[in-house]
Every structure is written in C-alpha cells, then in structure tokens.
N, C-alpha and C. Protein backbone atom coordinates (compact mmCIF):
# COMPACT_ATOMS: atom_id res chain seq x y z
N UNK A 1 -45.23 -4.87 16.01
CA UNK A 1 -45.02 -6.05 15.18
C UNK A 1 -46.32 -6.85 15.14
N UNK A 2 -47.12 -6.55 14.15
CA UNK A 2 -48.41 -7.21 14.05
C UNK A 2 -48.44 -8.26 12.94
N UNK A 3 -47.35 -8.46 12.27
CA UNK A 3 -47.31 -9.44 11.19
C UNK A 3 -46.64 -10.72 11.66
N UNK A 4 -46.70 -11.74 10.84
CA UNK A 4 -46.23 -13.07 11.26
C UNK A 4 -44.81 -13.37 10.84
N UNK A 5 -44.19 -12.48 10.04
CA UNK A 5 -42.81 -12.73 9.62
C UNK A 5 -42.02 -11.43 9.70
N UNK A 6 -40.79 -11.53 10.21
CA UNK A 6 -39.91 -10.36 10.29
C UNK A 6 -39.44 -9.96 8.90
N UNK A 7 -39.22 -8.65 8.71
CA UNK A 7 -38.55 -8.17 7.51
C UNK A 7 -37.04 -8.37 7.71
N UNK A 8 -36.29 -8.19 6.66
CA UNK A 8 -34.83 -8.35 6.77
C UNK A 8 -34.24 -7.34 7.75
N UNK A 9 -34.76 -6.12 7.76
CA UNK A 9 -34.29 -5.12 8.72
C UNK A 9 -34.56 -5.56 10.15
N UNK A 10 -35.75 -6.09 10.39
CA UNK A 10 -36.09 -6.57 11.73
C UNK A 10 -35.21 -7.76 12.13
N UNK A 11 -34.93 -8.61 11.16
CA UNK A 11 -34.09 -9.78 11.43
C UNK A 11 -32.70 -9.34 11.86
N UNK A 12 -32.13 -8.36 11.17
CA UNK A 12 -30.79 -7.90 11.54
C UNK A 12 -30.78 -7.35 12.96
N UNK A 13 -31.83 -6.64 13.34
CA UNK A 13 -31.93 -6.11 14.70
C UNK A 13 -32.09 -7.24 15.72
N UNK A 14 -32.94 -8.21 15.39
CA UNK A 14 -33.20 -9.31 16.32
C UNK A 14 -31.97 -10.21 16.47
N UNK A 15 -31.24 -10.43 15.39
CA UNK A 15 -30.02 -11.24 15.47
C UNK A 15 -29.02 -10.55 16.38
N UNK A 16 -28.90 -9.25 16.21
CA UNK A 16 -27.99 -8.49 17.07
C UNK A 16 -28.44 -8.56 18.53
N UNK A 17 -29.72 -8.42 18.78
CA UNK A 17 -30.27 -8.53 20.14
C UNK A 17 -30.00 -9.91 20.73
N UNK A 18 -30.11 -10.93 19.89
CA UNK A 18 -29.95 -12.30 20.38
C UNK A 18 -28.53 -12.58 20.85
N UNK A 19 -27.58 -11.73 20.43
CA UNK A 19 -26.20 -11.89 20.88
C UNK A 19 -26.06 -11.44 22.33
N UNK A 20 -26.96 -10.58 22.77
CA UNK A 20 -26.90 -10.00 24.12
C UNK A 20 -27.85 -10.64 25.12
N UNK A 21 -28.95 -11.17 24.60
CA UNK A 21 -29.96 -11.75 25.51
C UNK A 21 -30.75 -12.82 24.77
N UNK A 22 -31.46 -13.62 25.54
CA UNK A 22 -32.30 -14.66 24.96
C UNK A 22 -33.61 -14.04 24.49
N UNK A 23 -33.95 -14.29 23.24
CA UNK A 23 -35.19 -13.76 22.69
C UNK A 23 -36.36 -14.66 23.09
N UNK A 24 -37.57 -14.09 23.10
CA UNK A 24 -38.75 -14.92 23.35
C UNK A 24 -38.88 -16.03 22.30
N UNK A 25 -39.51 -17.11 22.68
CA UNK A 25 -39.66 -18.26 21.78
C UNK A 25 -40.32 -17.86 20.46
N UNK A 26 -41.31 -17.02 20.50
CA UNK A 26 -42.00 -16.60 19.28
C UNK A 26 -41.02 -15.92 18.33
N UNK A 27 -40.18 -15.06 18.84
CA UNK A 27 -39.21 -14.36 17.99
C UNK A 27 -38.17 -15.33 17.44
N UNK A 28 -37.72 -16.26 18.26
CA UNK A 28 -36.75 -17.26 17.77
C UNK A 28 -37.35 -18.08 16.63
N UNK A 29 -38.62 -18.45 16.76
CA UNK A 29 -39.28 -19.23 15.70
C UNK A 29 -39.44 -18.39 14.43
N UNK A 30 -39.78 -17.13 14.60
CA UNK A 30 -39.92 -16.25 13.44
C UNK A 30 -38.57 -16.06 12.74
N UNK A 31 -37.51 -15.97 13.52
CA UNK A 31 -36.18 -15.86 12.92
C UNK A 31 -35.83 -17.12 12.14
N UNK A 32 -36.07 -18.27 12.72
CA UNK A 32 -35.77 -19.53 12.03
C UNK A 32 -36.52 -19.64 10.72
N UNK A 33 -37.78 -19.25 10.75
CA UNK A 33 -38.58 -19.31 9.53
C UNK A 33 -37.99 -18.35 8.49
N UNK A 34 -37.62 -17.17 8.92
CA UNK A 34 -37.04 -16.19 7.99
C UNK A 34 -35.73 -16.72 7.42
N UNK A 35 -34.88 -17.33 8.26
CA UNK A 35 -33.61 -17.88 7.77
C UNK A 35 -33.85 -18.97 6.73
N UNK A 36 -34.92 -19.72 6.92
CA UNK A 36 -35.27 -20.77 5.96
C UNK A 36 -35.62 -20.15 4.60
N UNK A 37 -36.24 -18.99 4.63
CA UNK A 37 -36.69 -18.34 3.41
C UNK A 37 -35.65 -17.40 2.80
N UNK A 38 -34.75 -16.86 3.61
CA UNK A 38 -33.84 -15.81 3.15
C UNK A 38 -32.38 -16.21 3.44
N UNK A 39 -31.67 -16.61 2.40
CA UNK A 39 -30.29 -17.04 2.59
C UNK A 39 -29.38 -15.89 2.99
N UNK A 40 -29.72 -14.67 2.63
CA UNK A 40 -28.88 -13.53 2.95
C UNK A 40 -28.89 -13.23 4.45
N UNK A 41 -30.05 -13.31 5.05
CA UNK A 41 -30.14 -13.10 6.49
C UNK A 41 -29.47 -14.25 7.25
N UNK A 42 -29.60 -15.45 6.73
CA UNK A 42 -28.93 -16.59 7.36
C UNK A 42 -27.42 -16.41 7.30
N UNK A 43 -26.91 -15.91 6.18
CA UNK A 43 -25.48 -15.64 6.06
C UNK A 43 -25.05 -14.54 7.03
N UNK A 44 -25.89 -13.51 7.15
CA UNK A 44 -25.59 -12.42 8.08
C UNK A 44 -25.48 -12.95 9.51
N UNK A 45 -26.42 -13.81 9.90
CA UNK A 45 -26.38 -14.42 11.23
C UNK A 45 -25.10 -15.22 11.41
N UNK A 46 -24.76 -16.04 10.42
CA UNK A 46 -23.54 -16.86 10.50
C UNK A 46 -22.29 -15.99 10.61
N UNK A 47 -22.25 -14.89 9.86
CA UNK A 47 -21.11 -13.99 9.93
C UNK A 47 -20.99 -13.34 11.30
N UNK A 48 -22.12 -12.90 11.86
CA UNK A 48 -22.08 -12.30 13.20
C UNK A 48 -21.61 -13.31 14.24
N UNK A 49 -22.08 -14.53 14.13
CA UNK A 49 -21.66 -15.56 15.07
C UNK A 49 -20.16 -15.84 14.94
N UNK A 50 -19.67 -15.87 13.72
CA UNK A 50 -18.24 -16.11 13.49
C UNK A 50 -17.40 -14.96 14.04
N UNK A 51 -17.84 -13.73 13.81
CA UNK A 51 -17.12 -12.57 14.33
C UNK A 51 -17.11 -12.60 15.85
N UNK A 52 -18.25 -12.89 16.43
CA UNK A 52 -18.35 -12.95 17.89
C UNK A 52 -17.42 -14.01 18.46
N UNK A 53 -17.41 -15.16 17.82
CA UNK A 53 -16.56 -16.25 18.28
C UNK A 53 -15.08 -15.90 18.11
N UNK A 54 -14.75 -15.24 17.00
CA UNK A 54 -13.36 -14.85 16.74
C UNK A 54 -12.88 -13.84 17.78
N UNK A 55 -13.74 -12.91 18.14
CA UNK A 55 -13.37 -11.91 19.13
C UNK A 55 -13.15 -12.52 20.51
N UNK A 56 -13.81 -13.63 20.76
CA UNK A 56 -13.61 -14.33 22.02
C UNK A 56 -12.44 -15.31 21.94
N UNK A 57 -11.83 -15.44 20.76
CA UNK A 57 -10.66 -16.29 20.60
C UNK A 57 -10.95 -17.75 20.37
N UNK A 58 -12.13 -18.07 19.86
CA UNK A 58 -12.48 -19.47 19.71
C UNK A 58 -12.68 -19.94 18.29
N UNK A 59 -12.09 -19.27 17.30
CA UNK A 59 -12.28 -19.67 15.91
C UNK A 59 -11.13 -20.53 15.44
N UNK A 60 -11.47 -21.68 14.86
CA UNK A 60 -10.46 -22.54 14.23
C UNK A 60 -10.20 -22.02 12.83
N UNK A 61 -9.06 -22.37 12.27
CA UNK A 61 -8.74 -21.91 10.92
C UNK A 61 -9.74 -22.44 9.90
N UNK A 62 -10.29 -23.63 10.12
CA UNK A 62 -11.29 -24.17 9.20
C UNK A 62 -12.55 -23.32 9.20
N UNK A 63 -12.92 -22.81 10.36
CA UNK A 63 -14.12 -21.99 10.46
C UNK A 63 -13.94 -20.65 9.78
N UNK A 64 -12.75 -20.13 9.78
CA UNK A 64 -12.48 -18.82 9.21
C UNK A 64 -12.35 -18.88 7.69
N UNK A 65 -12.60 -20.03 7.09
CA UNK A 65 -12.60 -20.20 5.64
C UNK A 65 -11.25 -19.85 5.04
N UNK A 66 -10.31 -20.72 5.25
CA UNK A 66 -9.00 -20.64 4.62
C UNK A 66 -8.24 -19.37 4.99
N UNK A 67 -7.98 -19.22 6.24
CA UNK A 67 -7.15 -18.11 6.69
C UNK A 67 -5.75 -18.30 6.13
N UNK A 68 -5.25 -17.29 5.41
CA UNK A 68 -3.92 -17.46 4.80
C UNK A 68 -2.83 -17.55 5.86
N UNK A 69 -1.81 -18.36 5.55
CA UNK A 69 -0.66 -18.49 6.43
C UNK A 69 0.31 -17.37 6.06
N UNK A 70 0.33 -16.35 6.87
CA UNK A 70 1.11 -15.16 6.55
C UNK A 70 2.36 -15.12 7.42
N UNK A 71 3.51 -14.97 6.76
CA UNK A 71 4.76 -14.79 7.45
C UNK A 71 5.36 -13.47 6.98
N UNK A 72 5.73 -12.64 7.92
CA UNK A 72 6.26 -11.33 7.56
C UNK A 72 7.79 -11.29 7.57
N UNK A 73 8.42 -12.40 7.85
CA UNK A 73 9.87 -12.42 7.95
C UNK A 73 10.53 -12.06 6.61
N UNK A 74 10.12 -12.70 5.54
CA UNK A 74 10.74 -12.45 4.24
C UNK A 74 10.46 -11.04 3.73
N UNK A 75 9.24 -10.55 3.74
CA UNK A 75 9.00 -9.17 3.30
C UNK A 75 9.77 -8.15 4.16
N UNK A 76 9.87 -8.42 5.45
CA UNK A 76 10.61 -7.52 6.35
C UNK A 76 12.09 -7.44 5.93
N UNK A 77 12.67 -8.60 5.58
CA UNK A 77 14.07 -8.62 5.13
C UNK A 77 14.23 -7.82 3.85
N UNK A 78 13.28 -7.97 2.90
CA UNK A 78 13.38 -7.24 1.64
C UNK A 78 13.26 -5.74 1.86
N UNK A 79 12.37 -5.33 2.76
CA UNK A 79 12.21 -3.91 3.06
C UNK A 79 13.47 -3.34 3.68
N UNK A 80 14.05 -4.07 4.64
CA UNK A 80 15.29 -3.61 5.27
C UNK A 80 16.40 -3.47 4.24
N UNK A 81 16.51 -4.46 3.36
CA UNK A 81 17.56 -4.42 2.35
C UNK A 81 17.33 -3.26 1.39
N UNK A 82 16.13 -3.00 0.98
CA UNK A 82 15.82 -1.89 0.09
C UNK A 82 16.17 -0.57 0.76
N UNK A 83 15.83 -0.43 2.04
CA UNK A 83 16.17 0.79 2.78
C UNK A 83 17.68 0.98 2.88
N UNK A 84 18.41 -0.11 3.14
CA UNK A 84 19.88 -0.02 3.20
C UNK A 84 20.45 0.40 1.85
N UNK A 85 19.93 -0.22 0.78
CA UNK A 85 20.41 0.11 -0.56
C UNK A 85 20.16 1.59 -0.87
N UNK A 86 18.99 2.08 -0.52
CA UNK A 86 18.65 3.48 -0.77
C UNK A 86 19.54 4.42 0.05
N UNK A 87 19.80 4.04 1.30
CA UNK A 87 20.67 4.83 2.16
C UNK A 87 22.08 4.89 1.60
N UNK A 88 22.59 3.77 1.10
CA UNK A 88 23.92 3.73 0.51
C UNK A 88 23.99 4.61 -0.74
N UNK A 89 22.95 4.62 -1.55
CA UNK A 89 22.92 5.43 -2.78
C UNK A 89 22.94 6.92 -2.43
N UNK A 90 22.21 7.31 -1.43
CA UNK A 90 22.13 8.74 -1.09
C UNK A 90 23.36 9.22 -0.33
N UNK A 91 24.01 8.35 0.41
CA UNK A 91 25.18 8.78 1.18
C UNK A 91 26.49 8.56 0.43
N UNK A 92 26.46 7.82 -0.63
CA UNK A 92 27.71 7.45 -1.30
C UNK A 92 27.90 8.04 -2.58
C-alpha cells in the first residue's frame, strides 16, 4: 500500500478487518477520508455495522428501517382452512 487513499476493494477489506480488531490510526484516517468521498463504501460500512449489531441482538426497529410488523396467525388459519376444505373434497 504505497498510495494515500484506499480503493473501494481495499476499503471493504479494511472495514471487515475493523470488525475484528482495531486498525492503525493511519488506516482509520484513510477510511474516513474514503467514506467522505465515496457514499457507496460509507453505506457498505453502515450496513455491516447494522448486521453486526442485529446479530448481537441490539437493533431497534427504527434502526432496521421500518421492520414490518408480521403476524402469522391469520395466514396460518387460512392455510389450515384451505387444507381442511381440500381434504373434505377428496374424501367426500
């Protein structure tokens, strides 16, 4: 690494490394500069942080960007009823 700015490929590797260990100050500064210039890499970092936090069980619904409120009770009832109806048709 003889240049002053990471490429996007290097950033993805460094972001992943930073999840496991503390990077040297120079690398952290280079990452920050790259994030300032590249919104895609900044989004990638944010997504990795969100996934990591979610896997540890610490994500609020606001952070997960509108997690749908899913209830399976009603679809389960409809499926059971459809199966019963089909069973009655074939046996009767």
